[in-house]
Amino acid sequence: MPRPTKHNPERGDARTRLLEAARDVIRTRGFAATTVDHLCKVAGVTKGAFFHHFENKEALGVAAAAHWAETTSAFFADAPYHDHDDPLDRLIGYLDFRKNIIAGDPAEFTCLVGTMTQEVYDSHPAVRDACAASIFGHAASLEPDIAAAMKSRGIRADWTPASLATHTQAVLQGAFILAKATEDREVARDSVDHLRRYIEMLFDADRNAEKSG
């Protein structure tokens, strides 16, 4: 995922700097423990600037989720797995890419919207809904390759491209939680390996043919 950066008070407008600060600070401290004062300090802006752009911290959370969706969409759109001709190779390449970016501290590779969802799903429904839009929006970007891979291999199943795309995100979010719980990123990387094996088995054309026969 996009890495935390050292915030330069001269870089970008105040709103952008606050959103970038939220991206990094919330992944480190959590939404509840992140204060407006701390965000302003990290972003290098005044408290007045914060309330000029955001009515309150919840509004900041909603905007941060949308900013995360926008920036991560661009990040993944430029990833090399799109260069594969075979849609299954693209899907497997996506998982390899996800594994490769699990590096550094948890705050560097875990998901902002996943982190916020776990905290605010009941207390801040507007933030929760913005996080859901980000997670499911990213999942939807995988559906065309899944559908094309199913078609190219003649797979007819009781699962859909949407359900498998959603499952990939469930595994990834769970992997992030385990990495935080154990303070060991290798646990998360192992989970991605298991997801890769699972998808390879789903798309094993010979095995599926034997089952259907």
Protein backbone atom coordinates (compact mmCIF):
# COMPACT_ATOMS: atom_id res chain seq x y z
CA MET A 1 0.00 0.00 0.00
CA PRO A 2 1.12 3.62 -0.30
CA ARG A 3 3.78 4.11 2.32
CA PRO A 4 3.67 6.67 5.12
CA THR A 5 5.71 9.73 4.31
CA LYS A 6 7.41 12.45 6.26
CA HIS A 7 5.06 15.36 6.05
CA ASN A 8 6.48 18.50 4.49
CA PRO A 9 4.48 21.57 5.52
CA GLU A 10 5.28 23.06 2.13
CA ARG A 11 3.85 20.11 0.17
CA GLY A 12 0.26 20.31 -1.03
CA ASP A 13 -2.66 22.25 0.36
CA ALA A 14 -3.81 21.97 3.95
CA ARG A 15 -6.61 19.53 3.13
CA THR A 16 -4.30 17.15 1.30
CA ARG A 17 -1.73 17.29 4.08
CA LEU A 18 -4.41 16.50 6.66
CA LEU A 19 -5.65 13.53 4.62
CA GLU A 20 -2.12 12.20 4.26
CA ALA A 21 -1.54 12.67 7.97
CA ALA A 22 -4.77 10.81 8.70
CA ARG A 23 -3.69 7.97 6.40
CA ASP A 24 -0.48 7.46 8.34
CA VAL A 25 -1.46 8.36 11.89
CA ILE A 26 -4.69 6.34 11.98
CA ARG A 27 -2.89 3.24 10.68
CA THR A 28 -0.43 3.66 13.54
CA ARG A 29 -2.65 4.80 16.42
CA GLY A 30 -6.19 3.92 15.36
CA PHE A 31 -9.10 6.26 14.71
CA ALA A 32 -10.22 6.73 18.31
CA ALA A 33 -6.74 7.57 19.59
CA THR A 34 -6.04 10.03 16.78
CA THR A 35 -6.73 13.56 17.89
CA VAL A 36 -7.31 16.66 15.81
CA ASP A 37 -4.38 18.34 17.55
CA HIS A 38 -2.02 15.52 16.62
CA LEU A 39 -3.21 15.44 13.02
CA CYS A 40 -2.65 19.18 12.72
CA LYS A 41 0.85 18.84 14.16
CA VAL A 42 1.80 16.03 11.77
CA ALA A 43 0.27 17.83 8.79
CA GLY A 44 1.87 21.14 9.74
CA VAL A 45 -1.40 23.07 9.68
CA THR A 46 -3.38 25.07 12.20
CA LYS A 47 -6.47 23.85 13.98
CA GLY A 48 -8.37 26.57 12.19
CA ALA A 49 -7.31 25.03 8.88
CA PHE A 50 -8.62 21.67 10.01
CA PHE A 51 -12.08 23.03 10.83
CA HIS A 52 -12.09 25.05 7.62
CA HIS A 53 -11.95 21.79 5.66
CA PHE A 54 -13.69 19.34 8.03
CA GLU A 55 -16.63 19.86 10.33
CA ASN A 56 -15.32 17.30 12.80
CA LYS A 57 -13.16 14.18 13.05
CA GLU A 58 -15.93 12.01 11.59
CA ALA A 59 -15.98 14.17 8.46
CA LEU A 60 -12.22 13.78 8.28
CA GLY A 61 -12.63 10.00 8.55
CA VAL A 62 -15.10 9.92 5.66
CA ALA A 63 -12.79 12.05 3.52
CA ALA A 64 -9.76 9.96 4.49
CA ALA A 65 -11.52 6.78 3.34
CA ALA A 66 -12.37 8.39 0.00
CA HIS A 67 -8.80 9.68 -0.37
CA TRP A 68 -7.49 6.19 0.41
CA ALA A 69 -9.74 4.68 -2.26
CA GLU A 70 -8.57 7.22 -4.82
CA THR A 71 -4.85 6.92 -4.13
CA THR A 72 -4.79 3.14 -3.78
CA SER A 73 -6.78 2.76 -7.00
CA ALA A 74 -4.05 4.66 -8.81
CA PHE A 75 -1.37 2.64 -7.01
CA PHE A 76 -2.85 -0.69 -8.10
CA ALA A 77 -3.71 0.53 -11.59
CA ASP A 78 0.00 1.09 -12.22
CA ALA A 79 1.07 -2.30 -10.80
CA PRO A 80 2.94 -4.70 -13.12
CA TYR A 81 0.50 -7.62 -12.82
CA HIS A 82 -1.73 -5.91 -15.39
CA ASP A 83 0.88 -6.66 -18.06
CA HIS A 84 0.04 -10.38 -18.18
CA ASP A 85 -2.02 -11.52 -21.15
CA ASP A 86 -3.76 -14.35 -19.30
CA PRO A 87 -6.46 -13.14 -16.85
CA LEU A 88 -5.57 -15.88 -14.35
CA ASP A 89 -1.94 -14.78 -14.49
CA ARG A 90 -3.14 -11.26 -13.73
CA LEU A 91 -5.13 -12.49 -10.75
CA ILE A 92 -2.22 -14.55 -9.41
CA GLY A 93 0.07 -11.63 -10.13
CA TYR A 94 -2.20 -9.40 -8.05
CA LEU A 95 -1.77 -11.74 -5.08
CA ASP A 96 2.00 -11.87 -5.56
CA PHE A 97 2.02 -8.08 -5.66
CA ARG A 98 -0.04 -7.90 -2.46
CA LYS A 99 2.41 -10.24 -0.77
CA ASN A 100 5.42 -8.24 -1.92
CA ILE A 101 4.12 -5.00 -0.45
CA ILE A 102 3.67 -6.55 2.99
CA ALA A 103 6.89 -5.05 4.26
CA GLY A 104 8.03 -2.84 7.11
CA ASP A 105 5.92 -2.01 10.14
CA PRO A 106 2.18 -2.80 10.22
CA ALA A 107 1.37 0.87 9.74
CA GLU A 108 3.22 0.72 6.43
CA PHE A 109 1.32 -2.16 4.85
CA THR A 110 -2.02 -2.48 6.61
CA CYS A 111 -5.22 -0.99 5.29
CA LEU A 112 -6.52 2.36 6.49
CA VAL A 113 -10.16 1.57 5.77
CA GLY A 114 -9.89 -1.87 7.34
CA THR A 115 -8.38 -0.32 10.46
CA MET A 116 -11.14 2.26 10.72
CA THR A 117 -13.93 -0.22 10.04
CA GLN A 118 -12.95 -2.37 12.99
CA GLU A 119 -13.24 0.63 15.30
CA VAL A 120 -16.14 2.66 13.94
CA TYR A 121 -18.60 0.18 12.41
CA ASP A 122 -21.17 0.99 15.10
CA SER A 123 -20.11 4.38 16.46
CA HIS A 124 -19.56 6.24 13.16
CA PRO A 125 -21.77 4.74 10.43
CA ALA A 126 -20.80 7.42 7.90
CA VAL A 127 -17.13 6.46 8.23
CA ARG A 128 -18.05 2.77 8.12
CA ASP A 129 -19.98 3.25 4.89
CA ALA A 130 -17.11 5.18 3.32
CA CYS A 131 -14.73 2.39 4.30
CA ALA A 132 -17.07 -0.24 2.86
CA ALA A 133 -17.22 1.67 -0.42
CA SER A 134 -13.42 1.61 -0.59
CA ILE A 135 -13.06 -2.09 0.25
CA PHE A 136 -15.81 -3.31 -2.06
CA GLY A 137 -14.76 -0.89 -4.77
CA HIS A 138 -11.29 -2.41 -4.77
CA ALA A 139 -12.75 -5.92 -4.79
CA ALA A 140 -14.85 -4.98 -7.83
CA SER A 141 -11.69 -4.11 -9.75
CA LEU A 142 -10.73 -7.81 -9.63
CA GLU A 143 -14.02 -9.10 -11.00
CA PRO A 144 -13.29 -8.68 -14.74
CA ASP A 145 -10.13 -10.79 -14.54
CA ILE A 146 -11.88 -13.45 -12.45
CA ALA A 147 -14.77 -13.60 -14.93
CA ALA A 148 -12.38 -13.79 -17.88
CA ALA A 149 -10.34 -16.53 -16.20
CA MET A 150 -13.50 -18.54 -15.55
CA LYS A 151 -14.57 -18.17 -19.17
CA SER A 152 -11.17 -19.05 -20.63
CA ARG A 153 -11.04 -22.24 -18.57
CA GLY A 154 -14.66 -23.22 -19.03
CA ILE A 155 -15.41 -23.06 -15.32
CA ARG A 156 -19.04 -23.12 -14.28
CA ALA A 157 -19.40 -22.88 -10.53
CA ASP A 158 -21.78 -22.02 -7.72
CA TRP A 159 -19.60 -19.02 -6.86
CA THR A 160 -19.38 -15.71 -8.70
CA PRO A 161 -16.54 -13.36 -9.64
CA ALA A 162 -17.93 -10.90 -7.10
CA SER A 163 -17.94 -13.44 -4.28
CA LEU A 164 -14.36 -14.55 -4.98
CA ALA A 165 -13.18 -10.95 -5.27
CA THR A 166 -14.79 -10.20 -1.91
CA HIS A 167 -13.16 -13.29 -0.40
CA THR A 168 -9.70 -12.07 -1.42
CA GLN A 169 -10.30 -8.92 0.60
CA ALA A 170 -11.58 -10.88 3.58
CA VAL A 171 -8.37 -12.90 3.63
CA LEU A 172 -6.18 -9.82 3.25
CA GLN A 173 -7.95 -7.90 6.01
CA GLY A 174 -7.71 -10.93 8.29
CA ALA A 175 -4.03 -11.26 7.44
CA PHE A 176 -3.44 -7.67 8.49
CA ILE A 177 -5.13 -8.31 11.84
CA LEU A 178 -2.95 -11.37 12.44
CA ALA A 179 0.17 -9.41 11.58
CA LYS A 180 -0.79 -6.78 14.14
CA ALA A 181 -1.67 -9.39 16.76
CA THR A 182 1.64 -11.22 16.38
CA GLU A 183 3.83 -8.26 15.38
CA ASP A 184 4.99 -10.54 12.57
CA ARG A 185 4.36 -9.64 8.95
CA GLU A 186 5.28 -13.18 7.86
CA VAL A 187 1.93 -14.38 9.22
CA ALA A 188 0.21 -12.09 6.74
CA ARG A 189 2.47 -13.19 3.90
CA ASP A 190 1.68 -16.84 4.69
CA SER A 191 -2.04 -16.07 4.48
CA VAL A 192 -1.58 -14.60 1.01
CA ASP A 193 0.31 -17.75 -0.02
CA HIS A 194 -2.62 -19.89 1.13
CA LEU A 195 -5.04 -17.66 -0.78
CA ARG A 196 -2.89 -18.07 -3.89
CA ARG A 197 -2.99 -21.88 -3.54
CA TYR A 198 -6.75 -21.79 -3.04
CA ILE A 199 -7.31 -19.76 -6.21
CA GLU A 200 -4.95 -21.97 -8.19
CA MET A 201 -7.02 -24.98 -7.14
CA LEU A 202 -10.27 -23.22 -8.05
CA PHE A 203 -8.98 -22.64 -11.55
CA ASP A 204 -7.42 -26.06 -12.07
CA ALA A 205 -9.25 -26.89 -15.29
CA ASP A 206 -8.46 -30.61 -15.25
CA ARG A 207 -9.57 -31.02 -11.66
CA ASN A 208 -12.79 -29.09 -12.29
CA ALA A 209 -13.49 -31.21 -15.36
CA GLU A 210 -13.06 -34.38 -13.34
CA LYS A 211 -15.46 -33.11 -10.68
CA SER A 212 -18.10 -32.10 -13.19
CA GLY A 213 -17.75 -35.47 -14.97
